[in-house]
Amino acid sequence: FMVVAAALIATAASGFTIVEPNSAKVL
């Protein structure tokens, strides 16, 4: 379970991003 949870958390971390003012992120 811990291995699966760690993999899920690492995958979820790839969805985080920082968008600066007057810029855009194309997905």
mmCIF file of all heavy atoms, coordinates in Angstrom:
data_MODEL
# 
_entry.id   MODEL 
# 
loop_
_atom_site.group_PDB 
_atom_site.id 
_atom_site.type_symbol 
_atom_site.label_atom_id 
_atom_site.label_alt_id 
_atom_site.label_comp_id 
_atom_site.label_asym_id 
_atom_site.label_entity_id 
_atom_site.label_seq_id 
_atom_site.pdbx_PDB_ins_code 
_atom_site.Cartn_x 
_atom_site.Cartn_y 
_atom_site.Cartn_z 
_atom_site.occupancy 
_atom_site.B_iso_or_equiv 
_atom_site.pdbx_formal_charge 
_atom_site.auth_seq_id 
_atom_site.auth_comp_id 
_atom_site.auth_asym_id 
_atom_site.auth_atom_id 
_atom_site.pdbx_PDB_model_num 
ATOM 1   N N   . PHE A 1 1  ? 0.824  -1.208 0.000   1.00 0.00 ? 1  PHE A N   1 
ATOM 2   C CA  . PHE A 1 1  ? 0.000  0.000  0.000   1.00 0.00 ? 1  PHE A CA  1 
ATOM 3   C C   . PHE A 1 1  ? 0.855  1.254  0.000   1.00 0.00 ? 1  PHE A C   1 
ATOM 4   O O   . PHE A 1 1  ? 0.566  2.226  -0.686  1.00 0.00 ? 1  PHE A O   1 
ATOM 5   C CB  . PHE A 1 1  ? -0.936 -0.021 1.212   1.00 0.00 ? 1  PHE A CB  1 
ATOM 6   C CG  . PHE A 1 1  ? -1.799 1.199  1.322   1.00 0.00 ? 1  PHE A CG  1 
ATOM 7   C CD1 . PHE A 1 1  ? -2.975 1.316  0.607   1.00 0.00 ? 1  PHE A CD1 1 
ATOM 8   C CD2 . PHE A 1 1  ? -1.413 2.268  2.135   1.00 0.00 ? 1  PHE A CD2 1 
ATOM 9   C CE1 . PHE A 1 1  ? -3.763 2.454  0.707   1.00 0.00 ? 1  PHE A CE1 1 
ATOM 10  C CE2 . PHE A 1 1  ? -2.194 3.395  2.232   1.00 0.00 ? 1  PHE A CE2 1 
ATOM 11  C CZ  . PHE A 1 1  ? -3.376 3.487  1.511   1.00 0.00 ? 1  PHE A CZ  1 
ATOM 12  N N   . MET A 1 2  ? 1.929  1.221  0.789   1.00 0.00 ? 2  MET A N   1 
ATOM 13  C CA  . MET A 1 2  ? 2.814  2.378  0.860   1.00 0.00 ? 2  MET A CA  1 
ATOM 14  C C   . MET A 1 2  ? 3.479  2.640  -0.494  1.00 0.00 ? 2  MET A C   1 
ATOM 15  O O   . MET A 1 2  ? 3.633  3.788  -0.918  1.00 0.00 ? 2  MET A O   1 
ATOM 16  C CB  . MET A 1 2  ? 3.873  2.157  1.945   1.00 0.00 ? 2  MET A CB  1 
ATOM 17  C CG  . MET A 1 2  ? 3.313  2.145  3.369   1.00 0.00 ? 2  MET A CG  1 
ATOM 18  S SD  . MET A 1 2  ? 4.582  1.808  4.611   1.00 0.00 ? 2  MET A SD  1 
ATOM 19  C CE  . MET A 1 2  ? 5.647  3.210  4.378   1.00 0.00 ? 2  MET A CE  1 
ATOM 20  N N   . VAL A 1 3  ? 3.872  1.572  -1.182  1.00 0.00 ? 3  VAL A N   1 
ATOM 21  C CA  . VAL A 1 3  ? 4.482  1.738  -2.510  1.00 0.00 ? 3  VAL A CA  1 
ATOM 22  C C   . VAL A 1 3  ? 3.489  2.344  -3.495  1.00 0.00 ? 3  VAL A C   1 
ATOM 23  O O   . VAL A 1 3  ? 3.818  3.267  -4.255  1.00 0.00 ? 3  VAL A O   1 
ATOM 24  C CB  . VAL A 1 3  ? 5.017  0.393  -3.025  1.00 0.00 ? 3  VAL A CB  1 
ATOM 25  C CG1 . VAL A 1 3  ? 5.478  0.520  -4.474  1.00 0.00 ? 3  VAL A CG1 1 
ATOM 26  C CG2 . VAL A 1 3  ? 6.144  -0.105 -2.144  1.00 0.00 ? 3  VAL A CG2 1 
ATOM 27  N N   . VAL A 1 4  ? 2.265  1.803  -3.464  1.00 0.00 ? 4  VAL A N   1 
ATOM 28  C CA  . VAL A 1 4  ? 1.238  2.334  -4.354  1.00 0.00 ? 4  VAL A CA  1 
ATOM 29  C C   . VAL A 1 4  ? 0.929  3.785  -4.018  1.00 0.00 ? 4  VAL A C   1 
ATOM 30  O O   . VAL A 1 4  ? 0.782  4.642  -4.921  1.00 0.00 ? 4  VAL A O   1 
ATOM 31  C CB  . VAL A 1 4  ? -0.041 1.473  -4.279  1.00 0.00 ? 4  VAL A CB  1 
ATOM 32  C CG1 . VAL A 1 4  ? -1.171 2.130  -5.062  1.00 0.00 ? 4  VAL A CG1 1 
ATOM 33  C CG2 . VAL A 1 4  ? 0.226  0.078  -4.812  1.00 0.00 ? 4  VAL A CG2 1 
ATOM 34  N N   . ALA A 1 5  ? 0.836  4.105  -2.734  1.00 0.00 ? 5  ALA A N   1 
ATOM 35  C CA  . ALA A 1 5  ? 0.546  5.477  -2.325  1.00 0.00 ? 5  ALA A CA  1 
ATOM 36  C C   . ALA A 1 5  ? 1.653  6.434  -2.753  1.00 0.00 ? 5  ALA A C   1 
ATOM 37  O O   . ALA A 1 5  ? 1.400  7.553  -3.221  1.00 0.00 ? 5  ALA A O   1 
ATOM 38  C CB  . ALA A 1 5  ? 0.355  5.531  -0.805  1.00 0.00 ? 5  ALA A CB  1 
ATOM 39  N N   . ALA A 1 6  ? 2.919  5.987  -2.598  1.00 0.00 ? 6  ALA A N   1 
ATOM 40  C CA  . ALA A 1 6  ? 4.040  6.831  -3.016  1.00 0.00 ? 6  ALA A CA  1 
ATOM 41  C C   . ALA A 1 6  ? 4.006  7.078  -4.525  1.00 0.00 ? 6  ALA A C   1 
ATOM 42  O O   . ALA A 1 6  ? 4.283  8.192  -5.001  1.00 0.00 ? 6  ALA A O   1 
ATOM 43  C CB  . ALA A 1 6  ? 5.357  6.184  -2.604  1.00 0.00 ? 6  ALA A CB  1 
ATOM 44  N N   . ALA A 1 7  ? 3.676  6.037  -5.299  1.00 0.00 ? 7  ALA A N   1 
ATOM 45  C CA  . ALA A 1 7  ? 3.585  6.198  -6.751  1.00 0.00 ? 7  ALA A CA  1 
ATOM 46  C C   . ALA A 1 7  ? 2.467  7.171  -7.125  1.00 0.00 ? 7  ALA A C   1 
ATOM 47  O O   . ALA A 1 7  ? 2.622  8.011  -8.028  1.00 0.00 ? 7  ALA A O   1 
ATOM 48  C CB  . ALA A 1 7  ? 3.360  4.848  -7.412  1.00 0.00 ? 7  ALA A CB  1 
ATOM 49  N N   . LEU A 1 8  ? 1.334  7.059  -6.426  1.00 0.00 ? 8  LEU A N   1 
ATOM 50  C CA  . LEU A 1 8  ? 0.219  7.965  -6.715  1.00 0.00 ? 8  LEU A CA  1 
ATOM 51  C C   . LEU A 1 8  ? 0.570  9.412  -6.364  1.00 0.00 ? 8  LEU A C   1 
ATOM 52  O O   . LEU A 1 8  ? 0.218  10.342 -7.098  1.00 0.00 ? 8  LEU A O   1 
ATOM 53  C CB  . LEU A 1 8  ? -1.025 7.519  -5.941  1.00 0.00 ? 8  LEU A CB  1 
ATOM 54  C CG  . LEU A 1 8  ? -1.666 6.208  -6.404  1.00 0.00 ? 8  LEU A CG  1 
ATOM 55  C CD1 . LEU A 1 8  ? -2.827 5.831  -5.480  1.00 0.00 ? 8  LEU A CD1 1 
ATOM 56  C CD2 . LEU A 1 8  ? -2.154 6.320  -7.842  1.00 0.00 ? 8  LEU A CD2 1 
ATOM 57  N N   . ILE A 1 9  ? 1.261  9.588  -5.242  1.00 0.00 ? 9  ILE A N   1 
ATOM 58  C CA  . ILE A 1 9  ? 1.642  10.950 -4.843  1.00 0.00 ? 9  ILE A CA  1 
ATOM 59  C C   . ILE A 1 9  ? 2.634  11.544 -5.844  1.00 0.00 ? 9  ILE A C   1 
ATOM 60  O O   . ILE A 1 9  ? 2.543  12.715 -6.224  1.00 0.00 ? 9  ILE A O   1 
ATOM 61  C CB  . ILE A 1 9  ? 2.241  10.931 -3.419  1.00 0.00 ? 9  ILE A CB  1 
ATOM 62  C CG1 . ILE A 1 9  ? 1.154  10.588 -2.396  1.00 0.00 ? 9  ILE A CG1 1 
ATOM 63  C CG2 . ILE A 1 9  ? 2.876  12.276 -3.089  1.00 0.00 ? 9  ILE A CG2 1 
ATOM 64  C CD1 . ILE A 1 9  ? 1.683  10.424 -0.981  1.00 0.00 ? 9  ILE A CD1 1 
ATOM 65  N N   . ALA A 1 10 ? 3.602  10.716 -6.303  1.00 0.00 ? 10 ALA A N   1 
ATOM 66  C CA  . ALA A 1 10 ? 4.569  11.202 -7.294  1.00 0.00 ? 10 ALA A CA  1 
ATOM 67  C C   . ALA A 1 10 ? 3.873  11.565 -8.606  1.00 0.00 ? 10 ALA A C   1 
ATOM 68  O O   . ALA A 1 10 ? 4.215  12.559 -9.261  1.00 0.00 ? 10 ALA A O   1 
ATOM 69  C CB  . ALA A 1 10 ? 5.638  10.143 -7.536  1.00 0.00 ? 10 ALA A CB  1 
ATOM 70  N N   . THR A 1 11 ? 2.894  10.758 -8.994  1.00 0.00 ? 11 THR A N   1 
ATOM 71  C CA  . THR A 1 11 ? 2.144  11.061 -10.219 1.00 0.00 ? 11 THR A CA  1 
ATOM 72  C C   . THR A 1 11 ? 1.340  12.348 -10.059 1.00 0.00 ? 11 THR A C   1 
ATOM 73  O O   . THR A 1 11 ? 1.302  13.197 -10.960 1.00 0.00 ? 11 THR A O   1 
ATOM 74  C CB  . THR A 1 11 ? 1.209  9.903  -10.570 1.00 0.00 ? 11 THR A CB  1 
ATOM 75  O OG1 . THR A 1 11 ? 1.973  8.707  -10.729 1.00 0.00 ? 11 THR A OG1 1 
ATOM 76  C CG2 . THR A 1 11 ? 0.446  10.191 -11.854 1.00 0.00 ? 11 THR A CG2 1 
ATOM 77  N N   . ALA A 1 12 ? 0.700  12.488 -8.883  1.00 0.00 ? 12 ALA A N   1 
ATOM 78  C CA  . ALA A 1 12 ? -0.096 13.696 -8.642  1.00 0.00 ? 12 ALA A CA  1 
ATOM 79  C C   . ALA A 1 12 ? 0.781  14.943 -8.630  1.00 0.00 ? 12 ALA A C   1 
ATOM 80  O O   . ALA A 1 12 ? 0.362  16.020 -9.065  1.00 0.00 ? 12 ALA A O   1 
ATOM 81  C CB  . ALA A 1 12 ? -0.853 13.565 -7.325  1.00 0.00 ? 12 ALA A CB  1 
ATOM 82  N N   . ALA A 1 13 ? 2.028  14.795 -8.157  1.00 0.00 ? 13 ALA A N   1 
ATOM 83  C CA  . ALA A 1 13 ? 2.932  15.955 -8.097  1.00 0.00 ? 13 ALA A CA  1 
ATOM 84  C C   . ALA A 1 13 ? 3.219  16.529 -9.473  1.00 0.00 ? 13 ALA A C   1 
ATOM 85  O O   . ALA A 1 13 ? 3.510  17.729 -9.608  1.00 0.00 ? 13 ALA A O   1 
ATOM 86  C CB  . ALA A 1 13 ? 4.228  15.571 -7.403  1.00 0.00 ? 13 ALA A CB  1 
ATOM 87  N N   . SER A 1 14 ? 3.131  15.710 -10.522 1.00 0.00 ? 14 SER A N   1 
ATOM 88  C CA  . SER A 1 14 ? 3.385  16.215 -11.874 1.00 0.00 ? 14 SER A CA  1 
ATOM 89  C C   . SER A 1 14 ? 2.296  17.165 -12.356 1.00 0.00 ? 14 SER A C   1 
ATOM 90  O O   . SER A 1 14 ? 2.463  17.830 -13.375 1.00 0.00 ? 14 SER A O   1 
ATOM 91  C CB  . SER A 1 14 ? 3.519  15.043 -12.853 1.00 0.00 ? 14 SER A CB  1 
ATOM 92  O OG  . SER A 1 14 ? 2.277  14.351 -12.981 1.00 0.00 ? 14 SER A OG  1 
ATOM 93  N N   . GLY A 1 15 ? 1.190  17.213 -11.619 1.00 0.00 ? 15 GLY A N   1 
ATOM 94  C CA  . GLY A 1 15 ? 0.104  18.112 -12.013 1.00 0.00 ? 15 GLY A CA  1 
ATOM 95  C C   . GLY A 1 15 ? 0.211  19.500 -11.431 1.00 0.00 ? 15 GLY A C   1 
ATOM 96  O O   . GLY A 1 15 ? -0.605 20.373 -11.754 1.00 0.00 ? 15 GLY A O   1 
ATOM 97  N N   . PHE A 1 16 ? 1.178  19.739 -10.563 1.00 0.00 ? 16 PHE A N   1 
ATOM 98  C CA  . PHE A 1 16 ? 1.339  21.059 -9.958  1.00 0.00 ? 16 PHE A CA  1 
ATOM 99  C C   . PHE A 1 16 ? 2.148  21.978 -10.873 1.00 0.00 ? 16 PHE A C   1 
ATOM 100 O O   . PHE A 1 16 ? 3.113  21.542 -11.518 1.00 0.00 ? 16 PHE A O   1 
ATOM 101 C CB  . PHE A 1 16 ? 2.031  20.950 -8.595  1.00 0.00 ? 16 PHE A CB  1 
ATOM 102 C CG  . PHE A 1 16 ? 1.194  20.293 -7.538  1.00 0.00 ? 16 PHE A CG  1 
ATOM 103 C CD1 . PHE A 1 16 ? 1.433  18.985 -7.156  1.00 0.00 ? 16 PHE A CD1 1 
ATOM 104 C CD2 . PHE A 1 16 ? 0.162  20.992 -6.929  1.00 0.00 ? 16 PHE A CD2 1 
ATOM 105 C CE1 . PHE A 1 16 ? 0.661  18.381 -6.176  1.00 0.00 ? 16 PHE A CE1 1 
ATOM 106 C CE2 . PHE A 1 16 ? -0.616 20.393 -5.953  1.00 0.00 ? 16 PHE A CE2 1 
ATOM 107 C CZ  . PHE A 1 16 ? -0.368 19.078 -5.577  1.00 0.00 ? 16 PHE A CZ  1 
ATOM 108 N N   . THR A 1 17 ? 1.780  23.218 -10.915 1.00 0.00 ? 17 THR A N   1 
ATOM 109 C CA  . THR A 1 17 ? 2.499  24.195 -11.730 1.00 0.00 ? 17 THR A CA  1 
ATOM 110 C C   . THR A 1 17 ? 2.302  25.590 -11.150 1.00 0.00 ? 17 THR A C   1 
ATOM 111 O O   . THR A 1 17 ? 1.331  25.842 -10.423 1.00 0.00 ? 17 THR A O   1 
ATOM 112 C CB  . THR A 1 17 ? 2.013  24.172 -13.192 1.00 0.00 ? 17 THR A CB  1 
ATOM 113 O OG1 . THR A 1 17 ? 2.820  25.053 -13.969 1.00 0.00 ? 17 THR A OG1 1 
ATOM 114 C CG2 . THR A 1 17 ? 0.566  24.618 -13.299 1.00 0.00 ? 17 THR A CG2 1 
ATOM 115 N N   . ILE A 1 18 ? 3.229  26.463 -11.458 1.00 0.00 ? 18 ILE A N   1 
ATOM 116 C CA  . ILE A 1 18 ? 3.154  27.867 -11.026 1.00 0.00 ? 18 ILE A CA  1 
ATOM 117 C C   . ILE A 1 18 ? 3.004  28.735 -12.268 1.00 0.00 ? 18 ILE A C   1 
ATOM 118 O O   . ILE A 1 18 ? 3.830  28.670 -13.183 1.00 0.00 ? 18 ILE A O   1 
ATOM 119 C CB  . ILE A 1 18 ? 4.411  28.277 -10.238 1.00 0.00 ? 18 ILE A CB  1 
ATOM 120 C CG1 . ILE A 1 18 ? 4.516  27.453 -8.950  1.00 0.00 ? 18 ILE A CG1 1 
ATOM 121 C CG2 . ILE A 1 18 ? 4.368  29.774 -9.911  1.00 0.00 ? 18 ILE A CG2 1 
ATOM 122 C CD1 . ILE A 1 18 ? 5.780  27.728 -8.160  1.00 0.00 ? 18 ILE A CD1 1 
ATOM 123 N N   . VAL A 1 19 ? 1.940  29.525 -12.301 1.00 0.00 ? 19 VAL A N   1 
ATOM 124 C CA  . VAL A 1 19 ? 1.678  30.423 -13.430 1.00 0.00 ? 19 VAL A CA  1 
ATOM 125 C C   . VAL A 1 19 ? 1.987  31.850 -12.982 1.00 0.00 ? 19 VAL A C   1 
ATOM 126 O O   . VAL A 1 19 ? 1.363  32.358 -12.047 1.00 0.00 ? 19 VAL A O   1 
ATOM 127 C CB  . VAL A 1 19 ? 0.214  30.311 -13.904 1.00 0.00 ? 19 VAL A CB  1 
ATOM 128 C CG1 . VAL A 1 19 ? -0.015 31.206 -15.115 1.00 0.00 ? 19 VAL A CG1 1 
ATOM 129 C CG2 . VAL A 1 19 ? -0.127 28.862 -14.232 1.00 0.00 ? 19 VAL A CG2 1 
ATOM 130 N N   . GLU A 1 20 ? 2.953  32.475 -13.635 1.00 0.00 ? 20 GLU A N   1 
ATOM 131 C CA  . GLU A 1 20 ? 3.332  33.848 -13.299 1.00 0.00 ? 20 GLU A CA  1 
ATOM 132 C C   . GLU A 1 20 ? 2.340  34.841 -13.909 1.00 0.00 ? 20 GLU A C   1 
ATOM 133 O O   . GLU A 1 20 ? 1.653  34.521 -14.884 1.00 0.00 ? 20 GLU A O   1 
ATOM 134 C CB  . GLU A 1 20 ? 4.741  34.135 -13.803 1.00 0.00 ? 20 GLU A CB  1 
ATOM 135 C CG  . GLU A 1 20 ? 5.807  33.267 -13.157 1.00 0.00 ? 20 GLU A CG  1 
ATOM 136 C CD  . GLU A 1 20 ? 7.189  33.594 -13.669 1.00 0.00 ? 20 GLU A CD  1 
ATOM 137 O OE1 . GLU A 1 20 ? 7.290  34.401 -14.627 1.00 0.00 ? 20 GLU A OE1 1 
ATOM 138 O OE2 . GLU A 1 20 ? 8.163  33.040 -13.131 1.00 0.00 ? 20 GLU A OE2 1 
ATOM 139 N N   . PRO A 1 21 ? 2.260  36.062 -13.347 1.00 0.00 ? 21 PRO A N   1 
ATOM 140 C CA  . PRO A 1 21 ? 1.378  37.083 -13.941 1.00 0.00 ? 21 PRO A CA  1 
ATOM 141 C C   . PRO A 1 21 ? 1.758  37.370 -15.397 1.00 0.00 ? 21 PRO A C   1 
ATOM 142 O O   . PRO A 1 21 ? 2.939  37.328 -15.767 1.00 0.00 ? 21 PRO A O   1 
ATOM 143 C CB  . PRO A 1 21 ? 1.612  38.305 -13.041 1.00 0.00 ? 21 PRO A CB  1 
ATOM 144 C CG  . PRO A 1 21 ? 2.100  37.734 -11.744 1.00 0.00 ? 21 PRO A CG  1 
ATOM 145 C CD  . PRO A 1 21 ? 2.902  36.521 -12.103 1.00 0.00 ? 21 PRO A CD  1 
ATOM 146 N N   . ASN A 1 22 ? 0.768  37.658 -16.213 1.00 0.00 ? 22 ASN A N   1 
ATOM 147 C CA  . ASN A 1 22 ? 0.961  37.956 -17.633 1.00 0.00 ? 22 ASN A CA  1 
ATOM 148 C C   . ASN A 1 22 ? 1.686  36.830 -18.368 1.00 0.00 ? 22 ASN A C   1 
ATOM 149 O O   . ASN A 1 22 ? 2.585  37.060 -19.191 1.00 0.00 ? 22 ASN A O   1 
ATOM 150 C CB  . ASN A 1 22 ? 1.728  39.276 -17.814 1.00 0.00 ? 22 ASN A CB  1 
ATOM 151 C CG  . ASN A 1 22 ? 0.918  40.470 -17.380 1.00 0.00 ? 22 ASN A CG  1 
ATOM 152 O OD1 . ASN A 1 22 ? -0.287 40.521 -17.577 1.00 0.00 ? 22 ASN A OD1 1 
ATOM 153 N ND2 . ASN A 1 22 ? 1.567  41.440 -16.755 1.00 0.00 ? 22 ASN A ND2 1 
ATOM 154 N N   . SER A 1 23 ? 1.283  35.605 -18.042 1.00 0.00 ? 23 SER A N   1 
ATOM 155 C CA  . SER A 1 23 ? 1.778  34.442 -18.761 1.00 0.00 ? 23 SER A CA  1 
ATOM 156 C C   . SER A 1 23 ? 0.689  33.383 -18.764 1.00 0.00 ? 23 SER A C   1 
ATOM 157 O O   . SER A 1 23 ? -0.304 33.497 -18.041 1.00 0.00 ? 23 SER A O   1 
ATOM 158 C CB  . SER A 1 23 ? 3.071  33.896 -18.144 1.00 0.00 ? 23 SER A CB  1 
ATOM 159 O OG  . SER A 1 23 ? 2.816  33.396 -16.847 1.00 0.00 ? 23 SER A OG  1 
ATOM 160 N N   . ALA A 1 24 ? 0.871  32.368 -19.578 1.00 0.00 ? 24 ALA A N   1 
ATOM 161 C CA  . ALA A 1 24 ? -0.116 31.298 -19.692 1.00 0.00 ? 24 ALA A CA  1 
ATOM 162 C C   . ALA A 1 24 ? 0.601  29.964 -19.808 1.00 0.00 ? 24 ALA A C   1 
ATOM 163 O O   . ALA A 1 24 ? 1.756  29.889 -20.237 1.00 0.00 ? 24 ALA A O   1 
ATOM 164 C CB  . ALA A 1 24 ? -1.032 31.517 -20.892 1.00 0.00 ? 24 ALA A CB  1 
ATOM 165 N N   . LYS A 1 25 ? -0.095 28.919 -19.404 1.00 0.00 ? 25 LYS A N   1 
ATOM 166 C CA  . LYS A 1 25 ? 0.409  27.555 -19.539 1.00 0.00 ? 25 LYS A CA  1 
ATOM 167 C C   . LYS A 1 25 ? -0.462 26.819 -20.547 1.00 0.00 ? 25 LYS A C   1 
ATOM 168 O O   . LYS A 1 25 ? -1.679 26.686 -20.364 1.00 0.00 ? 25 LYS A O   1 
ATOM 169 C CB  . LYS A 1 25 ? 0.363  26.823 -18.201 1.00 0.00 ? 25 LYS A CB  1 
ATOM 170 C CG  . LYS A 1 25 ? 1.297  27.378 -17.134 1.00 0.00 ? 25 LYS A CG  1 
ATOM 171 C CD  . LYS A 1 25 ? 2.714  26.899 -17.333 1.00 0.00 ? 25 LYS A CD  1 
ATOM 172 C CE  . LYS A 1 25 ? 3.599  27.331 -16.161 1.00 0.00 ? 25 LYS A CE  1 
ATOM 173 N NZ  . LYS A 1 25 ? 4.969  26.831 -16.266 1.00 0.00 ? 25 LYS A NZ  1 
ATOM 174 N N   . VAL A 1 26 ? 0.162  26.358 -21.627 1.00 0.00 ? 26 VAL A N   1 
ATOM 175 C CA  . VAL A 1 26 ? -0.549 25.584 -22.639 1.00 0.00 ? 26 VAL A CA  1 
ATOM 176 C C   . VAL A 1 26 ? -0.396 24.103 -22.290 1.00 0.00 ? 26 VAL A C   1 
ATOM 177 O O   . VAL A 1 26 ? 0.723  23.605 -22.138 1.00 0.00 ? 26 VAL A O   1 
ATOM 178 C CB  . VAL A 1 26 ? -0.002 25.884 -24.040 1.00 0.00 ? 26 VAL A CB  1 
ATOM 179 C CG1 . VAL A 1 26 ? -0.704 25.021 -25.082 1.00 0.00 ? 26 VAL A CG1 1 
ATOM 180 C CG2 . VAL A 1 26 ? -0.176 27.361 -24.370 1.00 0.00 ? 26 VAL A CG2 1 
ATOM 181 N N   . LEU A 1 27 ? -1.525 23.388 -22.152 1.00 0.00 ? 27 LEU A N   1 
ATOM 182 C CA  . LEU A 1 27 ? -1.526 22.009 -21.683 1.00 0.00 ? 27 LEU A CA  1 
ATOM 183 C C   . LEU A 1 27 ? -1.758 21.036 -22.836 1.00 0.00 ? 27 LEU A C   1 
ATOM 184 O O   . LEU A 1 27 ? -2.636 21.255 -23.679 1.00 0.00 ? 27 LEU A O   1 
ATOM 185 C CB  . LEU A 1 27 ? -2.628 21.805 -20.633 1.00 0.00 ? 27 LEU A CB  1 
ATOM 186 C CG  . LEU A 1 27 ? -2.708 22.845 -19.504 1.00 0.00 ? 27 LEU A CG  1 
ATOM 187 C CD1 . LEU A 1 27 ? -3.885 22.534 -18.602 1.00 0.00 ? 27 LEU A CD1 1 
ATOM 188 C CD2 . LEU A 1 27 ? -1.408 22.899 -18.716 1.00 0.00 ? 27 LEU A CD2 1 
# 
